[in-house]
């Protein structure tokens, strides 16, 4: 919780920006892969990364999950982490 009220012109306020993607670039794939790679580099387990996408609490990643579906996100996770070990 903040120690003081945020000011109207707070320079540290989070601001999301949209911009057009270059032709031939899938913006959902580019953003999702970047998020997955960042968390993989920090050592987050693959199942927790999937939860970042499947939970509506994380609006940016969940928007990709809603638009493209579980299989799309799982395929990206597998491409970054490698295929998940199969249970015997």
PDB file of N, CA and C in Angstrom:
ATOM      1  N   UNK A   1       0.843  -1.173   0.000  1.00  0.00           N
ATOM      2  CA  UNK A   1       0.000   0.000   0.000  1.00  0.00           C
ATOM      3  C   UNK A   1       0.893   1.243   0.000  1.00  0.00           C
ATOM      4  N   UNK A   2       0.479   2.252  -0.747  1.00  0.00           N
ATOM      5  CA  UNK A   2       1.264   3.479  -0.858  1.00  0.00           C
ATOM      6  C   UNK A   2       1.285   4.220   0.471  1.00  0.00           C
ATOM      7  N   UNK A   3       2.422   4.832   0.747  1.00  0.00           N
ATOM      8  CA  UNK A   3       2.580   5.630   1.968  1.00  0.00           C
ATOM      9  C   UNK A   3       1.878   6.970   1.836  1.00  0.00           C
ATOM     10  N   UNK A   4       1.683   7.426   0.598  1.00  0.00           N
ATOM     11  CA  UNK A   4       1.009   8.700   0.358  1.00  0.00           C
ATOM     12  C   UNK A   4       0.115   8.542  -0.863  1.00  0.00           C
ATOM     13  N   UNK A   5      -0.794   9.467  -1.016  1.00  0.00           N
ATOM     14  CA  UNK A   5      -1.654   9.438  -2.196  1.00  0.00           C
ATOM     15  C   UNK A   5      -0.831   9.758  -3.433  1.00  0.00           C
ATOM     16  N   UNK A   6      -1.135   9.080  -4.538  1.00  0.00           N
ATOM     17  CA  UNK A   6      -0.442   9.363  -5.782  1.00  0.00           C
ATOM     18  C   UNK A   6      -0.902  10.708  -6.330  1.00  0.00           C
ATOM     19  N   UNK A   7       0.038  11.415  -6.896  1.00  0.00           N
ATOM     20  CA  UNK A   7      -0.282  12.709  -7.479  1.00  0.00           C
ATOM     21  C   UNK A   7      -0.835  12.516  -8.878  1.00  0.00           C
ATOM     22  N   UNK A   8      -1.620  13.491  -9.346  1.00  0.00           N
ATOM     23  CA  UNK A   8      -2.265  13.412 -10.657  1.00  0.00           C
ATOM     24  C   UNK A   8      -1.249  13.247 -11.776  1.00  0.00           C
ATOM     25  N   UNK A   9      -0.093  13.880 -11.658  1.00  0.00           N
ATOM     26  CA  UNK A   9       0.924  13.826 -12.709  1.00  0.00           C
ATOM     27  C   UNK A   9       2.123  12.963 -12.301  1.00  0.00           C
ATOM     28  N   UNK A  10       1.866  11.878 -11.589  1.00  0.00           N
ATOM     29  CA  UNK A  10       2.918  10.988 -11.096  1.00  0.00           C
ATOM     30  C   UNK A  10       3.743  10.446 -12.269  1.00  0.00           C
ATOM     31  N   UNK A  11       5.064  10.721 -12.301  1.00  0.00           N
ATOM     32  CA  UNK A  11       5.876  10.262 -13.430  1.00  0.00           C
ATOM     33  C   UNK A  11       6.098   8.750 -13.435  1.00  0.00           C
ATOM     34  N   UNK A  12       5.797   8.056 -12.345  1.00  0.00           N
ATOM     35  CA  UNK A  12       6.004   6.610 -12.280  1.00  0.00           C
ATOM     36  C   UNK A  12       4.726   5.816 -12.488  1.00  0.00           C
ATOM     37  N   UNK A  13       3.656   6.484 -12.851  1.00  0.00           N
ATOM     38  CA  UNK A  13       2.391   5.798 -13.100  1.00  0.00           C
ATOM     39  C   UNK A  13       2.532   4.931 -14.350  1.00  0.00           C
ATOM     40  N   UNK A  14       2.023   3.699 -14.255  1.00  0.00           N
ATOM     41  CA  UNK A  14       2.072   2.777 -15.395  1.00  0.00           C
ATOM     42  C   UNK A  14       1.137   3.268 -16.486  1.00  0.00           C
ATOM     43  N   UNK A  15       1.644   3.332 -17.695  1.00  0.00           N
ATOM     44  CA  UNK A  15       0.844   3.749 -18.835  1.00  0.00           C
ATOM     45  C   UNK A  15       1.061   2.737 -19.951  1.00  0.00           C
ATOM     46  N   UNK A  16      -0.007   2.126 -20.402  1.00  0.00           N
ATOM     47  CA  UNK A  16       0.088   1.168 -21.507  1.00  0.00           C
ATOM     48  C   UNK A  16      -0.092   1.920 -22.822  1.00  0.00           C
ATOM     49  N   UNK A  17       0.653   1.509 -23.814  1.00  0.00           N
ATOM     50  CA  UNK A  17       0.574   2.143 -25.130  1.00  0.00           C
ATOM     51  C   UNK A  17       0.341   1.062 -26.177  1.00  0.00           C
ATOM     52  N   UNK A  18      -0.427   1.390 -27.167  1.00  0.00           N
ATOM     53  CA  UNK A  18      -0.607   0.501 -28.314  1.00  0.00           C
ATOM     54  C   UNK A  18       0.111   1.119 -29.499  1.00  0.00           C
ATOM     55  N   UNK A  19       0.649   0.257 -30.343  1.00  0.00           N
ATOM     56  CA  UNK A  19       1.268   0.737 -31.565  1.00  0.00           C
ATOM     57  C   UNK A  19       1.096  -0.334 -32.623  1.00  0.00           C
ATOM     58  N   UNK A  20       1.066   0.069 -33.889  1.00  0.00           N
ATOM     59  CA  UNK A  20       0.851  -0.918 -34.949  1.00  0.00           C
ATOM     60  C   UNK A  20       2.047  -1.846 -35.096  1.00  0.00           C
ATOM     61  N   UNK A  21       1.755  -3.099 -35.372  1.00  0.00           N
ATOM     62  CA  UNK A  21       2.818  -4.083 -35.621  1.00  0.00           C
ATOM     63  C   UNK A  21       3.218  -4.012 -37.087  1.00  0.00           C
ATOM     64  N   UNK A  22       4.458  -4.373 -37.342  1.00  0.00           N
ATOM     65  CA  UNK A  22       4.925  -4.423 -38.717  1.00  0.00           C
ATOM     66  C   UNK A  22       4.166  -5.506 -39.472  1.00  0.00           C
ATOM     67  N   UNK A  23       3.989  -5.351 -40.767  1.00  0.00           N
ATOM     68  CA  UNK A  23       3.316  -6.380 -41.546  1.00  0.00           C
ATOM     69  C   UNK A  23       4.023  -7.730 -41.389  1.00  0.00           C
ATOM     70  N   UNK A  24       3.240  -8.769 -41.215  1.00  0.00           N
ATOM     71  CA  UNK A  24       3.779 -10.116 -41.085  1.00  0.00           C
ATOM     72  C   UNK A  24       4.144 -10.502 -39.663  1.00  0.00           C
ATOM     73  N   UNK A  25       4.023  -9.572 -38.716  1.00  0.00           N
ATOM     74  CA  UNK A  25       4.337  -9.866 -37.316  1.00  0.00           C
ATOM     75  C   UNK A  25       3.035 -10.128 -36.570  1.00  0.00           C
ATOM     76  N   UNK A  26       2.979 -11.229 -35.851  1.00  0.00           N
ATOM     77  CA  UNK A  26       1.822 -11.568 -35.035  1.00  0.00           C
ATOM     78  C   UNK A  26       2.033 -10.930 -33.659  1.00  0.00           C
ATOM     79  N   UNK A  27       1.316  -9.852 -33.344  1.00  0.00           N
ATOM     80  CA  UNK A  27       1.560  -9.159 -32.078  1.00  0.00           C
ATOM     81  C   UNK A  27       1.281 -10.020 -30.848  1.00  0.00           C
ATOM     82  N   UNK A  28       0.271 -10.886 -30.914  1.00  0.00           N
ATOM     83  CA  UNK A  28      -0.010 -11.781 -29.784  1.00  0.00           C
ATOM     84  C   UNK A  28       1.174 -12.713 -29.535  1.00  0.00           C
ATOM     85  N   UNK A  29       1.701 -13.279 -30.605  1.00  0.00           N
ATOM     86  CA  UNK A  29       2.822 -14.206 -30.458  1.00  0.00           C
ATOM     87  C   UNK A  29       4.073 -13.494 -29.949  1.00  0.00           C
ATOM     88  N   UNK A  30       4.344 -12.312 -30.492  1.00  0.00           N
ATOM     89  CA  UNK A  30       5.541 -11.576 -30.083  1.00  0.00           C
ATOM     90  C   UNK A  30       5.473 -11.208 -28.601  1.00  0.00           C
ATOM     91  N   UNK A  31       4.340 -10.701 -28.152  1.00  0.00           N
ATOM     92  CA  UNK A  31       4.207 -10.300 -26.754  1.00  0.00           C
ATOM     93  C   UNK A  31       4.241 -11.502 -25.831  1.00  0.00           C
ATOM     94  N   UNK A  32       3.492 -12.541 -26.179  1.00  0.00           N
ATOM     95  CA  UNK A  32       3.415 -13.727 -25.326  1.00  0.00           C
ATOM     96  C   UNK A  32       4.781 -14.412 -25.226  1.00  0.00           C
ATOM     97  N   UNK A  33       5.476 -14.552 -26.333  1.00  0.00           N
ATOM     98  CA  UNK A  33       6.796 -15.190 -26.312  1.00  0.00           C
ATOM     99  C   UNK A  33       7.767 -14.383 -25.456  1.00  0.00           C
ATOM    100  N   UNK A  34       7.710 -13.074 -25.549  1.00  0.00           N
ATOM    101  CA  UNK A  34       8.590 -12.224 -24.740  1.00  0.00           C
ATOM    102  C   UNK A  34       8.326 -12.423 -23.255  1.00  0.00           C
ATOM    103  N   UNK A  35       7.057 -12.445 -22.870  1.00  0.00           N
ATOM    104  CA  UNK A  35       6.697 -12.660 -21.461  1.00  0.00           C
ATOM    105  C   UNK A  35       7.189 -14.032 -21.000  1.00  0.00           C
ATOM    106  N   UNK A  36       6.934 -15.046 -21.799  1.00  0.00           N
ATOM    107  CA  UNK A  36       7.341 -16.411 -21.443  1.00  0.00           C
ATOM    108  C   UNK A  36       8.861 -16.500 -21.308  1.00  0.00           C
ATOM    109  N   UNK A  37       9.588 -15.922 -22.248  1.00  0.00           N
ATOM    110  CA  UNK A  37      11.053 -15.960 -22.188  1.00  0.00           C
ATOM    111  C   UNK A  37      11.586 -15.245 -20.948  1.00  0.00           C
ATOM    112  N   UNK A  38      11.019 -14.101 -20.608  1.00  0.00           N
ATOM    113  CA  UNK A  38      11.466 -13.357 -19.431  1.00  0.00           C
ATOM    114  C   UNK A  38      11.281 -14.179 -18.154  1.00  0.00           C
ATOM    115  N   UNK A  39      10.106 -14.776 -17.994  1.00  0.00           N
ATOM    116  CA  UNK A  39       9.858 -15.566 -16.790  1.00  0.00           C
ATOM    117  C   UNK A  39      10.685 -16.853 -16.782  1.00  0.00           C
ATOM    118  N   UNK A  40      10.925 -17.428 -17.942  1.00  0.00           N
ATOM    119  CA  UNK A  40      11.774 -18.622 -18.016  1.00  0.00           C
ATOM    120  C   UNK A  40      13.197 -18.277 -17.580  1.00  0.00           C
ATOM    121  N   UNK A  41      13.704 -17.138 -18.025  1.00  0.00           N
ATOM    122  CA  UNK A  41      15.052 -16.711 -17.647  1.00  0.00           C
ATOM    123  C   UNK A  41      15.161 -16.437 -16.149  1.00  0.00           C
ATOM    124  N   UNK A  42      14.050 -16.061 -15.523  1.00  0.00           N
ATOM    125  CA  UNK A  42      14.044 -15.825 -14.070  1.00  0.00           C
ATOM    126  C   UNK A  42      13.845 -17.121 -13.286  1.00  0.00           C
ATOM    127  N   UNK A  43      13.633 -18.229 -13.997  1.00  0.00           N
ATOM    128  CA  UNK A  43      13.500 -19.521 -13.340  1.00  0.00           C
ATOM    129  C   UNK A  43      12.094 -19.914 -12.934  1.00  0.00           C
ATOM    130  N   UNK A  44      11.087 -19.225 -13.446  1.00  0.00           N
ATOM    131  CA  UNK A  44       9.707 -19.574 -13.097  1.00  0.00           C
ATOM    132  C   UNK A  44       9.324 -20.884 -13.774  1.00  0.00           C
ATOM    133  N   UNK A  45       8.725 -21.815 -13.036  1.00  0.00           N
ATOM    134  CA  UNK A  45       8.285 -23.077 -13.636  1.00  0.00           C
ATOM    135  C   UNK A  45       7.214 -22.853 -14.703  1.00  0.00           C
ATOM    136  N   UNK A  46       7.219 -23.727 -15.690  1.00  0.00           N
ATOM    137  CA  UNK A  46       6.300 -23.603 -16.826  1.00  0.00           C
ATOM    138  C   UNK A  46       4.833 -23.577 -16.417  1.00  0.00           C
ATOM    139  N   UNK A  47       4.456 -24.328 -15.368  1.00  0.00           N
ATOM    140  CA  UNK A  47       3.048 -24.345 -14.966  1.00  0.00           C
ATOM    141  C   UNK A  47       2.612 -22.997 -14.400  1.00  0.00           C
ATOM    142  N   UNK A  48       3.516 -22.298 -13.742  1.00  0.00           N
ATOM    143  CA  UNK A  48       3.175 -20.968 -13.226  1.00  0.00           C
ATOM    144  C   UNK A  48       3.057 -19.957 -14.359  1.00  0.00           C
ATOM    145  N   UNK A  49       3.879 -20.107 -15.384  1.00  0.00           N
ATOM    146  CA  UNK A  49       3.780 -19.223 -16.547  1.00  0.00           C
ATOM    147  C   UNK A  49       2.423 -19.416 -17.213  1.00  0.00           C
ATOM    148  N   UNK A  50       1.986 -20.649 -17.337  1.00  0.00           N
ATOM    149  CA  UNK A  50       0.672 -20.914 -17.923  1.00  0.00           C
ATOM    150  C   UNK A  50      -0.423 -20.248 -17.100  1.00  0.00           C
ATOM    151  N   UNK A  51      -0.268 -20.248 -15.780  1.00  0.00           N
ATOM    152  CA  UNK A  51      -1.265 -19.597 -14.921  1.00  0.00           C
ATOM    153  C   UNK A  51      -1.308 -18.086 -15.134  1.00  0.00           C
ATOM    154  N   UNK A  52      -0.177 -17.476 -15.525  1.00  0.00           N
ATOM    155  CA  UNK A  52      -0.182 -16.041 -15.837  1.00  0.00           C
ATOM    156  C   UNK A  52      -1.106 -15.745 -17.019  1.00  0.00           C
ATOM    157  N   UNK A  53      -1.210 -16.687 -17.908  1.00  0.00           N
ATOM    158  CA  UNK A  53      -2.067 -16.501 -19.078  1.00  0.00           C
ATOM    159  C   UNK A  53      -3.507 -16.912 -18.796  1.00  0.00           C
ATOM    160  N   UNK A  54      -3.711 -17.950 -18.033  1.00  0.00           N
ATOM    161  CA  UNK A  54      -5.073 -18.457 -17.825  1.00  0.00           C
ATOM    162  C   UNK A  54      -5.846 -17.689 -16.756  1.00  0.00           C
ATOM    163  N   UNK A  55      -5.156 -16.938 -15.914  1.00  0.00           N
ATOM    164  CA  UNK A  55      -5.830 -16.191 -14.851  1.00  0.00           C
ATOM    165  C   UNK A  55      -6.284 -14.817 -15.347  1.00  0.00           C
ATOM    166  N   UNK A  56      -7.564 -14.489 -15.165  1.00  0.00           N
ATOM    167  CA  UNK A  56      -8.058 -13.169 -15.576  1.00  0.00           C
ATOM    168  C   UNK A  56      -7.443 -12.018 -14.763  1.00  0.00           C
ATOM    169  N   UNK A  57      -6.785 -12.348 -13.657  1.00  0.00           N
ATOM    170  CA  UNK A  57      -6.137 -11.325 -12.834  1.00  0.00           C
ATOM    171  C   UNK A  57      -5.019 -10.620 -13.607  1.00  0.00           C
ATOM    172  N   UNK A  58      -4.380 -11.326 -14.545  1.00  0.00           N
ATOM    173  CA  UNK A  58      -3.300 -10.766 -15.356  1.00  0.00           C
ATOM    174  C   UNK A  58      -3.867 -10.407 -16.725  1.00  0.00           C
ATOM    175  N   UNK A  59      -4.371  -9.195 -16.849  1.00  0.00           N
ATOM    176  CA  UNK A  59      -5.180  -8.824 -18.013  1.00  0.00           C
ATOM    177  C   UNK A  59      -4.426  -8.888 -19.343  1.00  0.00           C
ATOM    178  N   UNK A  60      -3.173  -8.489 -19.381  1.00  0.00           N
ATOM    179  CA  UNK A  60      -2.439  -8.497 -20.647  1.00  0.00           C
ATOM    180  C   UNK A  60      -2.234  -9.889 -21.196  1.00  0.00           C
ATOM    181  N   UNK A  61      -1.737 -10.781 -20.346  1.00  0.00           N
ATOM    182  CA  UNK A  61      -1.502 -12.150 -20.805  1.00  0.00           C
ATOM    183  C   UNK A  61      -2.826 -12.896 -20.987  1.00  0.00           C
ATOM    184  N   UNK A  62      -3.796 -12.605 -20.147  1.00  0.00           N
ATOM    185  CA  UNK A  62      -5.078 -13.295 -20.261  1.00  0.00           C
ATOM    186  C   UNK A  62      -5.808 -12.908 -21.546  1.00  0.00           C
ATOM    187  N   UNK A  63      -5.595 -11.688 -22.021  1.00  0.00           N
ATOM    188  CA  UNK A  63      -6.221 -11.270 -23.280  1.00  0.00           C
ATOM    189  C   UNK A  63      -5.742 -12.158 -24.432  1.00  0.00           C
ATOM    190  N   UNK A  64      -4.458 -12.488 -24.442  1.00  0.00           N
ATOM    191  CA  UNK A  64      -3.920 -13.391 -25.471  1.00  0.00           C
ATOM    192  C   UNK A  64      -4.543 -14.773 -25.312  1.00  0.00           C
ATOM    193  N   UNK A  65      -4.627 -15.245 -24.081  1.00  0.00           N
ATOM    194  CA  UNK A  65      -5.218 -16.557 -23.793  1.00  0.00           C
ATOM    195  C   UNK A  65      -6.674 -16.606 -24.277  1.00  0.00           C
ATOM    196  N   UNK A  66      -7.428 -15.552 -24.039  1.00  0.00           N
ATOM    197  CA  UNK A  66      -8.827 -15.497 -24.490  1.00  0.00           C
ATOM    198  C   UNK A  66      -8.932 -15.488 -26.005  1.00  0.00           C
ATOM    199  N   UNK A  67      -8.093 -14.682 -26.656  1.00  0.00           N
ATOM    200  CA  UNK A  67      -8.177 -14.565 -28.118  1.00  0.00           C
ATOM    201  C   UNK A  67      -7.685 -15.813 -28.832  1.00  0.00           C
ATOM    202  N   UNK A  68      -6.582 -16.396 -28.341  1.00  0.00           N
ATOM    203  CA  UNK A  68      -5.913 -17.450 -29.094  1.00  0.00           C
ATOM    204  C   UNK A  68      -6.077 -18.840 -28.515  1.00  0.00           C
ATOM    205  N   UNK A  69      -6.439 -18.932 -27.242  1.00  0.00           N
ATOM    206  CA  UNK A  69      -6.727 -20.227 -26.653  1.00  0.00           C
ATOM    207  C   UNK A  69      -5.550 -20.891 -25.954  1.00  0.00           C
ATOM    208  N   UNK A  70      -5.894 -21.927 -25.216  1.00  0.00           N
ATOM    209  CA  UNK A  70      -4.934 -22.668 -24.407  1.00  0.00           C
ATOM    210  C   UNK A  70      -3.843 -23.304 -25.275  1.00  0.00           C
ATOM    211  N   UNK A  71      -4.223 -23.921 -26.382  1.00  0.00           N
ATOM    212  CA  UNK A  71      -3.250 -24.626 -27.230  1.00  0.00           C
ATOM    213  C   UNK A  71      -2.182 -23.671 -27.765  1.00  0.00           C
ATOM    214  N   UNK A  72      -2.569 -22.461 -28.134  1.00  0.00           N
ATOM    215  CA  UNK A  72      -1.621 -21.469 -28.641  1.00  0.00           C
ATOM    216  C   UNK A  72      -0.584 -21.126 -27.572  1.00  0.00           C
ATOM    217  N   UNK A  73      -1.060 -20.840 -26.368  1.00  0.00           N
ATOM    218  CA  UNK A  73      -0.156 -20.478 -25.275  1.00  0.00           C
ATOM    219  C   UNK A  73       0.720 -21.666 -24.898  1.00  0.00           C
ATOM    220  N   UNK A  74       0.145 -22.850 -24.822  1.00  0.00           N
ATOM    221  CA  UNK A  74       0.922 -24.035 -24.462  1.00  0.00           C
ATOM    222  C   UNK A  74       2.013 -24.311 -25.491  1.00  0.00           C
ATOM    223  N   UNK A  75       1.713 -24.101 -26.757  1.00  0.00           N
ATOM    224  CA  UNK A  75       2.708 -24.304 -27.811  1.00  0.00           C
ATOM    225  C   UNK A  75       3.879 -23.326 -27.661  1.00  0.00           C
ATOM    226  N   UNK A  76       3.577 -22.082 -27.319  1.00  0.00           N
ATOM    227  CA  UNK A  76       4.649 -21.105 -27.100  1.00  0.00           C
ATOM    228  C   UNK A  76       5.493 -21.479 -25.887  1.00  0.00           C
ATOM    229  N   UNK A  77       4.834 -21.895 -24.810  1.00  0.00           N
ATOM    230  CA  UNK A  77       5.567 -22.315 -23.607  1.00  0.00           C
ATOM    231  C   UNK A  77       6.471 -23.492 -23.944  1.00  0.00           C
ATOM    232  N   UNK A  78       5.960 -24.465 -24.689  1.00  0.00           N
ATOM    233  CA  UNK A  78       6.769 -25.628 -25.080  1.00  0.00           C
ATOM    234  C   UNK A  78       7.947 -25.220 -25.958  1.00  0.00           C
ATOM    235  N   UNK A  79       7.740 -24.220 -26.814  1.00  0.00           N
ATOM    236  CA  UNK A  79       8.831 -23.801 -27.691  1.00  0.00           C
ATOM    237  C   UNK A  79       9.939 -23.095 -26.914  1.00  0.00           C
ATOM    238  N   UNK A  80       9.595 -22.474 -25.797  1.00  0.00           N
ATOM    239  CA  UNK A  80      10.604 -21.799 -24.962  1.00  0.00           C
ATOM    240  C   UNK A  80      11.250 -22.770 -23.982  1.00  0.00           C
ATOM    241  N   UNK A  81      10.426 -23.555 -23.285  1.00  0.00           N
ATOM    242  CA  UNK A  81      10.916 -24.465 -22.240  1.00  0.00           C
ATOM    243  C   UNK A  81      11.342 -25.819 -22.781  1.00  0.00           C
ATOM    244  N   UNK A  82      10.902 -26.164 -23.989  1.00  0.00           N
ATOM    245  CA  UNK A  82      11.076 -27.521 -24.481  1.00  0.00           C
ATOM    246  C   UNK A  82       9.818 -28.308 -24.102  1.00  0.00           C
ATOM    247  N   UNK A  83       9.658 -29.453 -24.697  1.00  0.00           N
ATOM    248  CA  UNK A  83       8.465 -30.259 -24.402  1.00  0.00           C
ATOM    249  C   UNK A  83       8.475 -30.702 -22.948  1.00  0.00           C
ATOM    250  N   UNK A  84       7.297 -30.710 -22.351  1.00  0.00           N
ATOM    251  CA  UNK A  84       7.165 -31.143 -20.953  1.00  0.00           C
ATOM    252  C   UNK A  84       7.443 -32.631 -20.853  1.00  0.00           C
ATOM    253  N   UNK A  85       8.091 -33.044 -19.780  1.00  0.00           N
ATOM    254  CA  UNK A  85       8.314 -34.474 -19.580  1.00  0.00           C
ATOM    255  C   UNK A  85       6.959 -35.196 -19.453  1.00  0.00           C
ATOM    256  N   UNK A  86       6.878 -36.341 -20.038  1.00  0.00           N
ATOM    257  CA  UNK A  86       5.617 -37.117 -19.964  1.00  0.00           C
ATOM    258  C   UNK A  86       5.602 -37.938 -18.688  1.00  0.00           C
ATOM    259  N   UNK A  87       4.403 -38.023 -18.108  1.00  0.00           N
ATOM    260  CA  UNK A  87       4.256 -38.847 -16.896  1.00  0.00           C
ATOM    261  C   UNK A  87       4.247 -40.315 -17.292  1.00  0.00           C
ATOM    262  N   UNK A  88       4.853 -41.150 -16.494  1.00  0.00           N
ATOM    263  CA  UNK A  88       4.940 -42.588 -16.783  1.00  0.00           C
ATOM    264  C   UNK A  88       3.783 -43.307 -16.147  1.00  0.00           C
TER     265      UNK A  88
END
